[in-house]
């Protein structure tokens, strides 16, 4: 934006989300000489960061999910991405001089930006069955890597037939006496490398 004076405390772009999509957006924005901030949620964690083993990321045969996200974060930081931790509570339009911009408020800070990218990722799906909420963290779990050791020598049921469910089920075989996959189709949707 030639000829437009942008205040020093305004970012070119604020990215909400510190997972692979947010970090990739940050990397490209920073490489394009944009003043970039990535807001990482303080109470959320990227799904891939709790994945025990990632084998389908181009150029890397296998890596732990946390290590992959850590590498991405370091690379984005190397190119100038700034980071802030906090949960976003609001995003509102705001005039910044003669330009339409944004004010992003978190649990601890407020930031002004010319653009906002929302890269908050996915959440685990809940079944919506009676008692599910009451038993989250007390037998109902969404993260085998986090909670697998709690199921040592027990019988475990994994619900779902996609890649994530099958990966979690395979990981749980390290601990559980028996792992059963329950899904709604006649065959698993997971990729053949996981099914076989």
N, C-alpha and C. Protein backbone atom coordinates (compact mmCIF):
# COMPACT_ATOMS: atom_id res chain seq x y z
N UNK A 1 0.84 -1.18 0.00
CA UNK A 1 0.00 0.00 0.00
C UNK A 1 0.88 1.24 0.00
N UNK A 2 1.35 1.62 -1.15
CA UNK A 2 2.25 2.76 -1.22
C UNK A 2 1.52 4.05 -0.88
N UNK A 3 2.22 4.94 -0.19
CA UNK A 3 1.66 6.23 0.17
C UNK A 3 0.78 6.22 1.40
N UNK A 4 0.55 5.08 2.00
CA UNK A 4 -0.30 4.98 3.18
C UNK A 4 0.60 4.72 4.38
N UNK A 5 0.46 5.57 5.39
CA UNK A 5 1.26 5.43 6.61
C UNK A 5 0.59 4.43 7.55
N UNK A 6 1.27 3.34 7.84
CA UNK A 6 0.74 2.31 8.74
C UNK A 6 1.43 2.48 10.10
N UNK A 7 0.66 2.66 11.17
CA UNK A 7 1.28 2.79 12.50
C UNK A 7 2.15 1.57 12.85
N UNK A 8 3.19 1.83 13.60
CA UNK A 8 4.16 0.79 13.98
C UNK A 8 3.51 -0.37 14.73
N UNK A 9 2.47 -0.10 15.51
CA UNK A 9 1.86 -1.14 16.34
C UNK A 9 0.79 -1.94 15.60
N UNK A 10 0.73 -1.81 14.29
CA UNK A 10 -0.26 -2.53 13.49
C UNK A 10 0.44 -3.62 12.69
N UNK A 11 -0.10 -4.81 12.74
CA UNK A 11 0.43 -5.93 11.96
C UNK A 11 -0.18 -5.91 10.56
N UNK A 12 0.58 -6.39 9.59
CA UNK A 12 0.00 -6.60 8.26
C UNK A 12 -1.02 -7.72 8.32
N UNK A 13 -0.68 -8.77 9.05
CA UNK A 13 -1.59 -9.91 9.17
C UNK A 13 -1.48 -10.54 10.55
N UNK A 14 -2.63 -10.86 11.12
CA UNK A 14 -2.70 -11.64 12.36
C UNK A 14 -3.32 -12.97 11.99
N UNK A 15 -2.67 -14.05 12.38
CA UNK A 15 -3.15 -15.40 12.10
C UNK A 15 -3.65 -16.00 13.40
N UNK A 16 -4.89 -16.46 13.39
CA UNK A 16 -5.47 -17.10 14.57
C UNK A 16 -5.34 -18.60 14.37
N UNK A 17 -4.45 -19.22 15.13
CA UNK A 17 -4.22 -20.65 15.02
C UNK A 17 -2.75 -20.96 14.81
N UNK A 18 -2.22 -21.83 15.66
CA UNK A 18 -0.80 -22.16 15.61
C UNK A 18 -0.52 -23.57 15.15
N UNK A 19 -1.43 -24.15 14.38
CA UNK A 19 -1.21 -25.48 13.81
C UNK A 19 -0.55 -25.36 12.45
N UNK A 20 -0.49 -26.45 11.69
CA UNK A 20 0.17 -26.44 10.39
C UNK A 20 -0.35 -25.38 9.42
N UNK A 21 -1.66 -25.19 9.33
CA UNK A 21 -2.21 -24.19 8.40
C UNK A 21 -1.81 -22.78 8.81
N UNK A 22 -1.94 -22.47 10.09
CA UNK A 22 -1.58 -21.15 10.58
C UNK A 22 -0.10 -20.86 10.43
N UNK A 23 0.72 -21.85 10.74
CA UNK A 23 2.17 -21.66 10.65
C UNK A 23 2.62 -21.54 9.20
N UNK A 24 1.98 -22.27 8.30
CA UNK A 24 2.31 -22.16 6.88
C UNK A 24 1.92 -20.78 6.36
N UNK A 25 0.73 -20.31 6.73
CA UNK A 25 0.31 -18.96 6.34
C UNK A 25 1.29 -17.92 6.87
N UNK A 26 1.71 -18.10 8.12
CA UNK A 26 2.66 -17.18 8.72
C UNK A 26 4.00 -17.18 8.00
N UNK A 27 4.47 -18.35 7.66
CA UNK A 27 5.74 -18.49 6.95
C UNK A 27 5.70 -17.71 5.63
N UNK A 28 4.64 -17.92 4.85
CA UNK A 28 4.54 -17.24 3.56
C UNK A 28 4.35 -15.73 3.72
N UNK A 29 3.56 -15.31 4.69
CA UNK A 29 3.36 -13.88 4.92
C UNK A 29 4.67 -13.21 5.32
N UNK A 30 5.39 -13.82 6.24
CA UNK A 30 6.65 -13.24 6.70
C UNK A 30 7.69 -13.21 5.58
N UNK A 31 7.72 -14.25 4.77
CA UNK A 31 8.65 -14.27 3.63
C UNK A 31 8.32 -13.18 2.62
N UNK A 32 7.06 -12.74 2.61
CA UNK A 32 6.64 -11.65 1.72
C UNK A 32 6.82 -10.28 2.40
N UNK A 33 7.63 -10.26 3.45
CA UNK A 33 7.95 -9.03 4.20
C UNK A 33 6.73 -8.40 4.86
N UNK A 34 5.79 -9.23 5.27
CA UNK A 34 4.65 -8.72 6.03
C UNK A 34 4.93 -8.88 7.51
N UNK A 35 4.56 -7.87 8.28
CA UNK A 35 4.68 -7.94 9.73
C UNK A 35 3.57 -8.88 10.20
N UNK A 36 3.97 -10.03 10.75
CA UNK A 36 3.05 -11.14 10.97
C UNK A 36 3.03 -11.59 12.42
N UNK A 37 1.82 -11.82 12.93
CA UNK A 37 1.64 -12.35 14.27
C UNK A 37 0.80 -13.61 14.19
N UNK A 38 1.23 -14.65 14.87
CA UNK A 38 0.48 -15.90 14.97
C UNK A 38 0.02 -16.05 16.42
N UNK A 39 -1.31 -16.14 16.60
CA UNK A 39 -1.86 -16.31 17.94
C UNK A 39 -2.15 -17.79 18.16
N UNK A 40 -1.47 -18.35 19.14
CA UNK A 40 -1.64 -19.76 19.49
C UNK A 40 -2.57 -19.85 20.69
N UNK A 41 -3.63 -20.62 20.57
CA UNK A 41 -4.58 -20.76 21.66
C UNK A 41 -3.93 -21.34 22.90
N UNK A 42 -4.22 -20.76 24.04
CA UNK A 42 -3.63 -21.26 25.29
C UNK A 42 -4.35 -22.50 25.81
N UNK A 43 -5.60 -22.69 25.40
CA UNK A 43 -6.34 -23.84 25.92
C UNK A 43 -6.63 -24.88 24.85
N UNK A 44 -6.03 -24.71 23.68
CA UNK A 44 -6.24 -25.69 22.62
C UNK A 44 -4.89 -26.20 22.15
N UNK A 45 -4.93 -27.33 21.50
CA UNK A 45 -3.71 -27.91 20.98
C UNK A 45 -4.02 -28.42 19.58
N UNK A 46 -3.07 -28.27 18.68
CA UNK A 46 -3.24 -28.74 17.32
C UNK A 46 -3.44 -30.26 17.31
N UNK A 47 -4.40 -30.73 16.51
CA UNK A 47 -4.64 -32.18 16.45
C UNK A 47 -3.37 -32.92 16.05
N UNK A 48 -2.63 -32.38 15.09
CA UNK A 48 -1.44 -33.10 14.63
C UNK A 48 -0.36 -33.14 15.71
N UNK A 49 -0.33 -32.14 16.59
CA UNK A 49 0.73 -32.12 17.60
C UNK A 49 0.58 -33.26 18.61
N UNK A 50 -0.61 -33.82 18.73
CA UNK A 50 -0.78 -34.96 19.64
C UNK A 50 -0.85 -36.28 18.88
N UNK A 51 -0.50 -36.25 17.59
CA UNK A 51 -0.44 -37.48 16.80
C UNK A 51 0.92 -38.12 17.05
N UNK A 52 0.90 -39.37 17.41
CA UNK A 52 2.13 -40.08 17.76
C UNK A 52 3.10 -40.14 16.60
N UNK A 53 2.62 -40.51 15.43
CA UNK A 53 3.51 -40.72 14.29
C UNK A 53 2.86 -40.19 13.03
N UNK A 54 3.55 -39.28 12.34
CA UNK A 54 3.09 -38.74 11.06
C UNK A 54 3.98 -39.36 9.99
N UNK A 55 3.35 -40.08 9.07
CA UNK A 55 4.10 -40.74 8.00
C UNK A 55 3.71 -40.24 6.62
N UNK A 56 2.86 -39.23 6.56
CA UNK A 56 2.37 -38.78 5.26
C UNK A 56 2.65 -37.30 5.01
N UNK A 57 3.70 -36.78 5.61
CA UNK A 57 4.09 -35.40 5.36
C UNK A 57 5.19 -35.41 4.32
N UNK A 58 4.99 -34.73 3.17
CA UNK A 58 5.97 -34.79 2.09
C UNK A 58 7.37 -34.38 2.54
N UNK A 59 8.33 -35.19 2.16
CA UNK A 59 9.72 -34.91 2.45
C UNK A 59 10.23 -35.42 3.78
N UNK A 60 9.33 -35.91 4.63
CA UNK A 60 9.73 -36.45 5.93
C UNK A 60 9.10 -37.83 6.06
N UNK A 61 9.96 -38.86 6.12
CA UNK A 61 9.43 -40.23 6.17
C UNK A 61 8.53 -40.47 7.37
N UNK A 62 9.00 -40.11 8.53
CA UNK A 62 8.17 -40.23 9.73
C UNK A 62 8.69 -39.28 10.80
N UNK A 63 7.73 -38.75 11.56
CA UNK A 63 8.06 -37.78 12.60
C UNK A 63 6.88 -37.74 13.58
N UNK A 64 7.17 -37.44 14.82
CA UNK A 64 6.10 -37.24 15.78
C UNK A 64 5.39 -35.93 15.48
N UNK A 65 4.10 -35.88 15.73
CA UNK A 65 3.31 -34.69 15.43
C UNK A 65 3.81 -33.45 16.14
N UNK A 66 4.15 -33.58 17.43
CA UNK A 66 4.66 -32.43 18.19
C UNK A 66 5.95 -31.91 17.56
N UNK A 67 6.84 -32.83 17.17
CA UNK A 67 8.11 -32.42 16.57
C UNK A 67 7.89 -31.72 15.23
N UNK A 68 6.92 -32.20 14.45
CA UNK A 68 6.62 -31.57 13.17
C UNK A 68 6.13 -30.13 13.37
N UNK A 69 5.20 -29.94 14.28
CA UNK A 69 4.68 -28.59 14.54
C UNK A 69 5.79 -27.70 15.11
N UNK A 70 6.65 -28.26 15.95
CA UNK A 70 7.76 -27.49 16.51
C UNK A 70 8.71 -27.02 15.41
N UNK A 71 8.99 -27.89 14.45
CA UNK A 71 9.84 -27.50 13.31
C UNK A 71 9.19 -26.37 12.51
N UNK A 72 7.88 -26.52 12.27
CA UNK A 72 7.16 -25.48 11.52
C UNK A 72 7.21 -24.15 12.25
N UNK A 73 7.01 -24.19 13.55
CA UNK A 73 7.03 -22.97 14.36
C UNK A 73 8.41 -22.32 14.31
N UNK A 74 9.45 -23.11 14.46
CA UNK A 74 10.82 -22.57 14.40
C UNK A 74 11.11 -21.95 13.05
N UNK A 75 10.67 -22.60 11.98
CA UNK A 75 10.91 -22.07 10.64
C UNK A 75 10.16 -20.76 10.43
N UNK A 76 8.91 -20.70 10.87
CA UNK A 76 8.14 -19.46 10.75
C UNK A 76 8.80 -18.34 11.56
N UNK A 77 9.25 -18.66 12.76
CA UNK A 77 9.94 -17.68 13.60
C UNK A 77 11.23 -17.19 12.96
N UNK A 78 11.94 -18.08 12.29
CA UNK A 78 13.18 -17.73 11.60
C UNK A 78 12.94 -16.63 10.56
N UNK A 79 11.77 -16.65 9.94
CA UNK A 79 11.46 -15.65 8.92
C UNK A 79 10.76 -14.42 9.49
N UNK A 80 10.60 -14.37 10.81
CA UNK A 80 10.10 -13.15 11.43
C UNK A 80 8.69 -13.19 11.98
N UNK A 81 8.04 -14.34 11.94
CA UNK A 81 6.71 -14.43 12.53
C UNK A 81 6.84 -14.22 14.04
N UNK A 82 6.00 -13.35 14.58
CA UNK A 82 5.93 -13.16 16.03
C UNK A 82 4.81 -14.04 16.57
N UNK A 83 4.92 -14.44 17.82
CA UNK A 83 3.94 -15.34 18.42
C UNK A 83 3.37 -14.75 19.69
N UNK A 84 2.10 -15.05 19.91
CA UNK A 84 1.43 -14.68 21.14
C UNK A 84 0.54 -15.84 21.54
N UNK A 85 0.45 -16.08 22.84
CA UNK A 85 -0.39 -17.16 23.34
C UNK A 85 -1.61 -16.56 24.03
N UNK A 86 -2.76 -17.11 23.73
CA UNK A 86 -4.00 -16.64 24.34
C UNK A 86 -5.18 -17.06 23.50
N UNK A 87 -6.32 -17.16 24.12
CA UNK A 87 -7.53 -17.52 23.39
C UNK A 87 -8.18 -16.25 22.85
N UNK A 88 -8.54 -16.28 21.58
CA UNK A 88 -9.18 -15.12 20.95
C UNK A 88 -10.60 -15.01 21.47
N UNK A 89 -10.96 -13.82 21.94
CA UNK A 89 -12.31 -13.59 22.46
C UNK A 89 -13.15 -12.74 21.52
N UNK A 90 -12.50 -11.96 20.64
CA UNK A 90 -13.28 -11.19 19.66
C UNK A 90 -12.40 -10.74 18.51
N UNK A 91 -13.04 -10.57 17.36
CA UNK A 91 -12.42 -9.99 16.18
C UNK A 91 -13.42 -8.96 15.66
N UNK A 92 -12.99 -7.70 15.62
CA UNK A 92 -13.90 -6.62 15.23
C UNK A 92 -13.25 -5.73 14.19
N UNK A 93 -14.07 -5.23 13.26
CA UNK A 93 -13.57 -4.27 12.28
C UNK A 93 -13.17 -2.99 12.99
N UNK A 94 -12.12 -2.35 12.45
CA UNK A 94 -11.65 -1.10 13.04
C UNK A 94 -10.95 -0.29 11.96
N UNK A 95 -11.18 1.00 11.94
CA UNK A 95 -10.48 1.88 11.01
C UNK A 95 -9.07 2.11 11.54
N UNK A 96 -8.12 1.96 10.67
CA UNK A 96 -6.72 2.25 11.00
C UNK A 96 -6.30 3.35 10.03
N UNK A 97 -6.41 4.58 10.48
CA UNK A 97 -6.21 5.71 9.57
C UNK A 97 -7.30 5.70 8.52
N UNK A 98 -6.88 5.64 7.26
CA UNK A 98 -7.84 5.62 6.14
C UNK A 98 -8.12 4.20 5.65
N UNK A 99 -7.69 3.21 6.40
CA UNK A 99 -7.79 1.81 5.94
C UNK A 99 -8.71 1.02 6.86
N UNK A 100 -9.49 0.13 6.26
CA UNK A 100 -10.27 -0.81 7.06
C UNK A 100 -9.33 -1.87 7.61
N UNK A 101 -9.38 -2.09 8.90
CA UNK A 101 -8.54 -3.08 9.54
C UNK A 101 -9.32 -3.87 10.57
N UNK A 102 -8.60 -4.47 11.49
CA UNK A 102 -9.20 -5.36 12.48
C UNK A 102 -8.56 -5.17 13.84
N UNK A 103 -9.35 -5.39 14.87
CA UNK A 103 -8.84 -5.47 16.24
C UNK A 103 -9.14 -6.88 16.72
N UNK A 104 -8.08 -7.59 17.09
CA UNK A 104 -8.20 -8.96 17.60
C UNK A 104 -7.90 -8.92 19.08
N UNK A 105 -8.86 -9.32 19.89
CA UNK A 105 -8.67 -9.34 21.34
C UNK A 105 -8.52 -10.78 21.81
N UNK A 106 -7.52 -10.98 22.67
CA UNK A 106 -7.30 -12.29 23.27
C UNK A 106 -7.54 -12.18 24.77
N UNK A 107 -7.38 -13.28 25.46
CA UNK A 107 -7.57 -13.28 26.91
C UNK A 107 -6.57 -12.37 27.61
N UNK A 108 -5.49 -12.00 26.96
CA UNK A 108 -4.50 -11.18 27.63
C UNK A 108 -4.07 -9.93 26.89
N UNK A 109 -4.38 -9.83 25.60
CA UNK A 109 -3.87 -8.73 24.79
C UNK A 109 -4.87 -8.30 23.74
N UNK A 110 -4.53 -7.21 23.07
CA UNK A 110 -5.28 -6.76 21.91
C UNK A 110 -4.30 -6.42 20.81
N UNK A 111 -4.66 -6.73 19.57
CA UNK A 111 -3.77 -6.50 18.44
C UNK A 111 -4.56 -5.84 17.31
N UNK A 112 -3.88 -4.98 16.55
CA UNK A 112 -4.49 -4.35 15.39
C UNK A 112 -3.80 -4.90 14.15
N UNK A 113 -4.60 -5.09 13.10
CA UNK A 113 -4.06 -5.72 11.90
C UNK A 113 -4.83 -5.27 10.67
N UNK A 114 -4.15 -5.29 9.54
CA UNK A 114 -4.80 -4.98 8.27
C UNK A 114 -5.57 -6.18 7.74
N UNK A 115 -5.14 -7.38 8.11
CA UNK A 115 -5.81 -8.61 7.65
C UNK A 115 -5.77 -9.64 8.76
N UNK A 116 -6.75 -10.54 8.74
CA UNK A 116 -6.82 -11.63 9.70
C UNK A 116 -7.02 -12.93 8.93
N UNK A 117 -6.26 -13.93 9.28
CA UNK A 117 -6.44 -15.28 8.74
C UNK A 117 -6.88 -16.17 9.89
N UNK A 118 -7.98 -16.86 9.69
CA UNK A 118 -8.47 -17.79 10.71
C UNK A 118 -8.07 -19.20 10.29
N UNK A 119 -7.19 -19.81 11.07
CA UNK A 119 -6.67 -21.15 10.79
C UNK A 119 -6.75 -21.97 12.07
N UNK A 120 -7.97 -22.09 12.58
CA UNK A 120 -8.16 -22.71 13.89
C UNK A 120 -8.26 -24.23 13.85
N UNK A 121 -8.18 -24.82 12.67
CA UNK A 121 -8.13 -26.28 12.60
C UNK A 121 -9.45 -26.96 12.89
N UNK A 122 -9.33 -28.20 13.28
CA UNK A 122 -10.50 -29.04 13.50
C UNK A 122 -10.60 -29.43 14.97
N UNK A 123 -11.77 -29.80 15.36
CA UNK A 123 -11.99 -30.32 16.71
C UNK A 123 -12.39 -31.78 16.62
N UNK A 124 -12.15 -32.49 17.69
CA UNK A 124 -12.56 -33.87 17.73
C UNK A 124 -14.08 -33.93 17.75
N UNK A 125 -14.61 -34.91 17.06
CA UNK A 125 -16.07 -35.07 17.02
C UNK A 125 -16.54 -35.84 18.24
N UNK A 126 -17.60 -35.32 18.80
CA UNK A 126 -18.23 -36.02 19.91
C UNK A 126 -19.39 -36.84 19.37
N UNK A 127 -19.75 -37.90 20.06
CA UNK A 127 -20.84 -38.76 19.62
C UNK A 127 -22.20 -38.18 19.95
N UNK A 128 -22.27 -37.41 21.02
CA UNK A 128 -23.55 -36.85 21.43
C UNK A 128 -24.44 -37.85 22.14
N UNK A 129 -23.83 -38.87 22.73
CA UNK A 129 -24.61 -39.89 23.43
C UNK A 129 -24.74 -39.53 24.91
N UNK A 130 -25.74 -40.09 25.53
CA UNK A 130 -25.99 -39.84 26.95
C UNK A 130 -24.77 -40.22 27.78
N UNK A 131 -24.36 -39.32 28.64
CA UNK A 131 -23.25 -39.58 29.55
C UNK A 131 -21.88 -39.22 29.01
N UNK A 132 -21.79 -38.91 27.73
CA UNK A 132 -20.49 -38.62 27.13
C UNK A 132 -19.79 -37.46 27.83
N UNK A 133 -20.46 -36.34 27.96
CA UNK A 133 -19.86 -35.15 28.58
C UNK A 133 -19.37 -35.44 30.00
N UNK A 134 -20.16 -36.17 30.75
CA UNK A 134 -19.82 -36.47 32.15
C UNK A 134 -18.58 -37.34 32.26
N UNK A 135 -18.28 -38.12 31.21
CA UNK A 135 -17.16 -39.05 31.28
C UNK A 135 -15.93 -38.60 30.49
N UNK A 136 -15.96 -37.39 29.93
CA UNK A 136 -14.76 -36.91 29.25
C UNK A 136 -13.67 -36.75 30.29
N UNK A 137 -12.54 -37.38 30.03
CA UNK A 137 -11.43 -37.39 30.98
C UNK A 137 -11.56 -38.45 32.05
N UNK A 138 -12.64 -39.21 32.01
CA UNK A 138 -12.87 -40.27 32.99
C UNK A 138 -13.23 -41.56 32.26
N UNK A 139 -12.60 -41.78 31.13
CA UNK A 139 -12.89 -42.96 30.33
C UNK A 139 -13.18 -42.62 28.88
N UNK A 140 -13.74 -41.44 28.64
CA UNK A 140 -13.96 -40.96 27.28
C UNK A 140 -12.81 -40.02 26.95
N UNK A 141 -12.11 -40.33 25.86
CA UNK A 141 -10.92 -39.58 25.50
C UNK A 141 -10.92 -39.32 24.00
N UNK A 142 -10.20 -38.30 23.58
CA UNK A 142 -10.08 -37.98 22.17
C UNK A 142 -8.62 -38.01 21.71
N UNK A 143 -7.73 -38.47 22.57
CA UNK A 143 -6.30 -38.41 22.27
C UNK A 143 -5.58 -39.63 22.82
N UNK A 144 -5.32 -40.60 21.96
CA UNK A 144 -4.64 -41.81 22.41
C UNK A 144 -3.23 -41.51 22.90
N UNK A 145 -2.55 -40.59 22.23
CA UNK A 145 -1.19 -40.25 22.64
C UNK A 145 -1.18 -39.67 24.05
N UNK A 146 -2.19 -38.86 24.35
CA UNK A 146 -2.27 -38.24 25.68
C UNK A 146 -2.68 -39.25 26.74
N UNK A 147 -3.66 -40.08 26.42
CA UNK A 147 -4.32 -40.90 27.44
C UNK A 147 -4.08 -42.40 27.32
N UNK A 148 -3.36 -42.84 26.30
CA UNK A 148 -3.15 -44.27 26.08
C UNK A 148 -2.69 -45.04 27.30
N UNK A 149 -1.72 -44.54 28.06
CA UNK A 149 -1.26 -45.30 29.23
C UNK A 149 -2.34 -45.55 30.28
N UNK A 150 -3.38 -44.72 30.31
CA UNK A 150 -4.47 -44.94 31.27
C UNK A 150 -5.27 -46.21 30.95
N UNK A 151 -5.13 -46.69 29.73
CA UNK A 151 -5.92 -47.85 29.29
C UNK A 151 -5.10 -49.14 29.27
N UNK A 152 -3.99 -49.14 29.97
CA UNK A 152 -3.13 -50.32 30.03
C UNK A 152 -3.92 -51.53 30.54
N UNK A 153 -3.83 -52.62 29.77
CA UNK A 153 -4.46 -53.90 30.11
C UNK A 153 -5.99 -53.81 30.20
N UNK A 154 -6.58 -52.88 29.50
CA UNK A 154 -8.04 -52.74 29.48
C UNK A 154 -8.56 -52.98 28.07
N UNK A 155 -9.85 -53.17 27.97
CA UNK A 155 -10.50 -53.27 26.66
C UNK A 155 -10.97 -51.87 26.27
N UNK A 156 -10.65 -51.47 25.04
CA UNK A 156 -10.90 -50.11 24.57
C UNK A 156 -11.73 -50.16 23.28
N UNK A 157 -12.62 -49.20 23.12
CA UNK A 157 -13.39 -49.05 21.89
C UNK A 157 -13.02 -47.71 21.26
N UNK A 158 -12.68 -47.74 19.98
CA UNK A 158 -12.40 -46.52 19.21
C UNK A 158 -13.55 -46.37 18.22
N UNK A 159 -14.14 -45.18 18.18
CA UNK A 159 -15.26 -44.92 17.28
C UNK A 159 -14.77 -44.14 16.08
N UNK A 160 -15.00 -44.68 14.88
CA UNK A 160 -14.61 -44.01 13.64
C UNK A 160 -13.85 -44.96 12.75
N UNK A 161 -13.86 -44.67 11.46
CA UNK A 161 -13.19 -45.54 10.51
C UNK A 161 -12.21 -44.82 9.61
N UNK A 162 -11.95 -43.54 9.89
CA UNK A 162 -11.01 -42.76 9.08
C UNK A 162 -9.58 -42.91 9.58
N UNK A 163 -8.68 -42.19 8.95
CA UNK A 163 -7.25 -42.28 9.28
C UNK A 163 -6.97 -42.01 10.75
N UNK A 164 -7.55 -40.94 11.29
CA UNK A 164 -7.26 -40.59 12.68
C UNK A 164 -7.71 -41.69 13.63
N UNK A 165 -8.91 -42.20 13.44
CA UNK A 165 -9.42 -43.26 14.32
C UNK A 165 -8.54 -44.50 14.24
N UNK A 166 -8.15 -44.89 13.05
CA UNK A 166 -7.33 -46.10 12.90
C UNK A 166 -5.93 -45.87 13.48
N UNK A 167 -5.36 -44.68 13.27
CA UNK A 167 -4.05 -44.38 13.87
C UNK A 167 -4.13 -44.45 15.39
N UNK A 168 -5.19 -43.88 15.96
CA UNK A 168 -5.36 -43.91 17.41
C UNK A 168 -5.53 -45.35 17.89
N UNK A 169 -6.31 -46.15 17.16
CA UNK A 169 -6.51 -47.55 17.54
C UNK A 169 -5.19 -48.32 17.51
N UNK A 170 -4.41 -48.11 16.45
CA UNK A 170 -3.11 -48.79 16.36
C UNK A 170 -2.21 -48.39 17.52
N UNK A 171 -2.19 -47.12 17.86
CA UNK A 171 -1.38 -46.65 18.98
C UNK A 171 -1.83 -47.29 20.29
N UNK A 172 -3.13 -47.40 20.48
CA UNK A 172 -3.66 -47.98 21.72
C UNK A 172 -3.31 -49.45 21.90
N UNK A 173 -2.97 -50.14 20.81
CA UNK A 173 -2.58 -51.55 20.95
C UNK A 173 -1.30 -51.70 21.77
N UNK A 174 -0.56 -50.63 21.95
CA UNK A 174 0.64 -50.67 22.79
C UNK A 174 0.29 -50.85 24.27
N UNK A 175 -0.92 -50.46 24.62
CA UNK A 175 -1.32 -50.45 26.03
C UNK A 175 -2.49 -51.38 26.33
N UNK A 176 -3.51 -51.31 25.51
CA UNK A 176 -4.77 -52.00 25.80
C UNK A 176 -4.66 -53.50 25.57
N UNK A 177 -5.44 -54.23 26.34
CA UNK A 177 -5.53 -55.68 26.17
C UNK A 177 -6.24 -56.00 24.86
N UNK A 178 -7.26 -55.21 24.53
CA UNK A 178 -8.04 -55.43 23.32
C UNK A 178 -8.54 -54.08 22.82
N UNK A 179 -8.44 -53.85 21.50
CA UNK A 179 -8.93 -52.62 20.88
C UNK A 179 -9.97 -53.00 19.82
N UNK A 180 -11.16 -52.45 19.95
CA UNK A 180 -12.24 -52.68 18.99
C UNK A 180 -12.57 -51.37 18.30
N UNK A 181 -12.66 -51.41 16.97
CA UNK A 181 -13.05 -50.23 16.20
C UNK A 181 -14.52 -50.38 15.82
N UNK A 182 -15.31 -49.36 16.15
CA UNK A 182 -16.73 -49.33 15.79
C UNK A 182 -16.90 -48.21 14.77
N UNK A 183 -17.49 -48.55 13.62
CA UNK A 183 -17.73 -47.53 12.60
C UNK A 183 -19.02 -47.84 11.87
N UNK A 184 -19.51 -46.90 11.08
CA UNK A 184 -20.85 -47.03 10.51
C UNK A 184 -20.88 -47.53 9.07
N UNK A 185 -19.78 -47.82 8.48
CA UNK A 185 -19.77 -48.29 7.10
C UNK A 185 -19.40 -49.77 7.05
N UNK A 186 -19.47 -50.32 5.85
CA UNK A 186 -19.13 -51.74 5.71
C UNK A 186 -17.62 -51.97 5.65
N UNK A 187 -16.86 -50.89 5.48
CA UNK A 187 -15.40 -51.00 5.51
C UNK A 187 -14.80 -49.69 6.01
N UNK A 188 -13.58 -49.76 6.49
CA UNK A 188 -12.90 -48.58 7.01
C UNK A 188 -12.61 -47.59 5.88
N UNK A 189 -12.70 -46.31 6.17
CA UNK A 189 -12.38 -45.27 5.20
C UNK A 189 -10.89 -44.92 5.23
N UNK A 190 -10.18 -45.40 6.21
CA UNK A 190 -8.75 -45.09 6.35
C UNK A 190 -7.99 -45.52 5.10
N UNK A 191 -6.87 -44.87 4.86
CA UNK A 191 -6.05 -45.23 3.71
C UNK A 191 -5.58 -46.67 3.83
N UNK A 192 -5.29 -47.27 2.69
CA UNK A 192 -4.95 -48.70 2.68
C UNK A 192 -3.70 -49.00 3.51
N UNK A 193 -2.76 -48.07 3.58
CA UNK A 193 -1.55 -48.32 4.37
C UNK A 193 -1.90 -48.50 5.85
N UNK A 194 -2.96 -47.87 6.31
CA UNK A 194 -3.39 -48.04 7.70
C UNK A 194 -4.30 -49.26 7.87
N UNK A 195 -5.11 -49.54 6.85
CA UNK A 195 -6.04 -50.67 6.94
C UNK A 195 -5.31 -52.00 6.92
N UNK A 196 -4.24 -52.09 6.16
CA UNK A 196 -3.56 -53.38 5.94
C UNK A 196 -2.59 -53.77 7.00
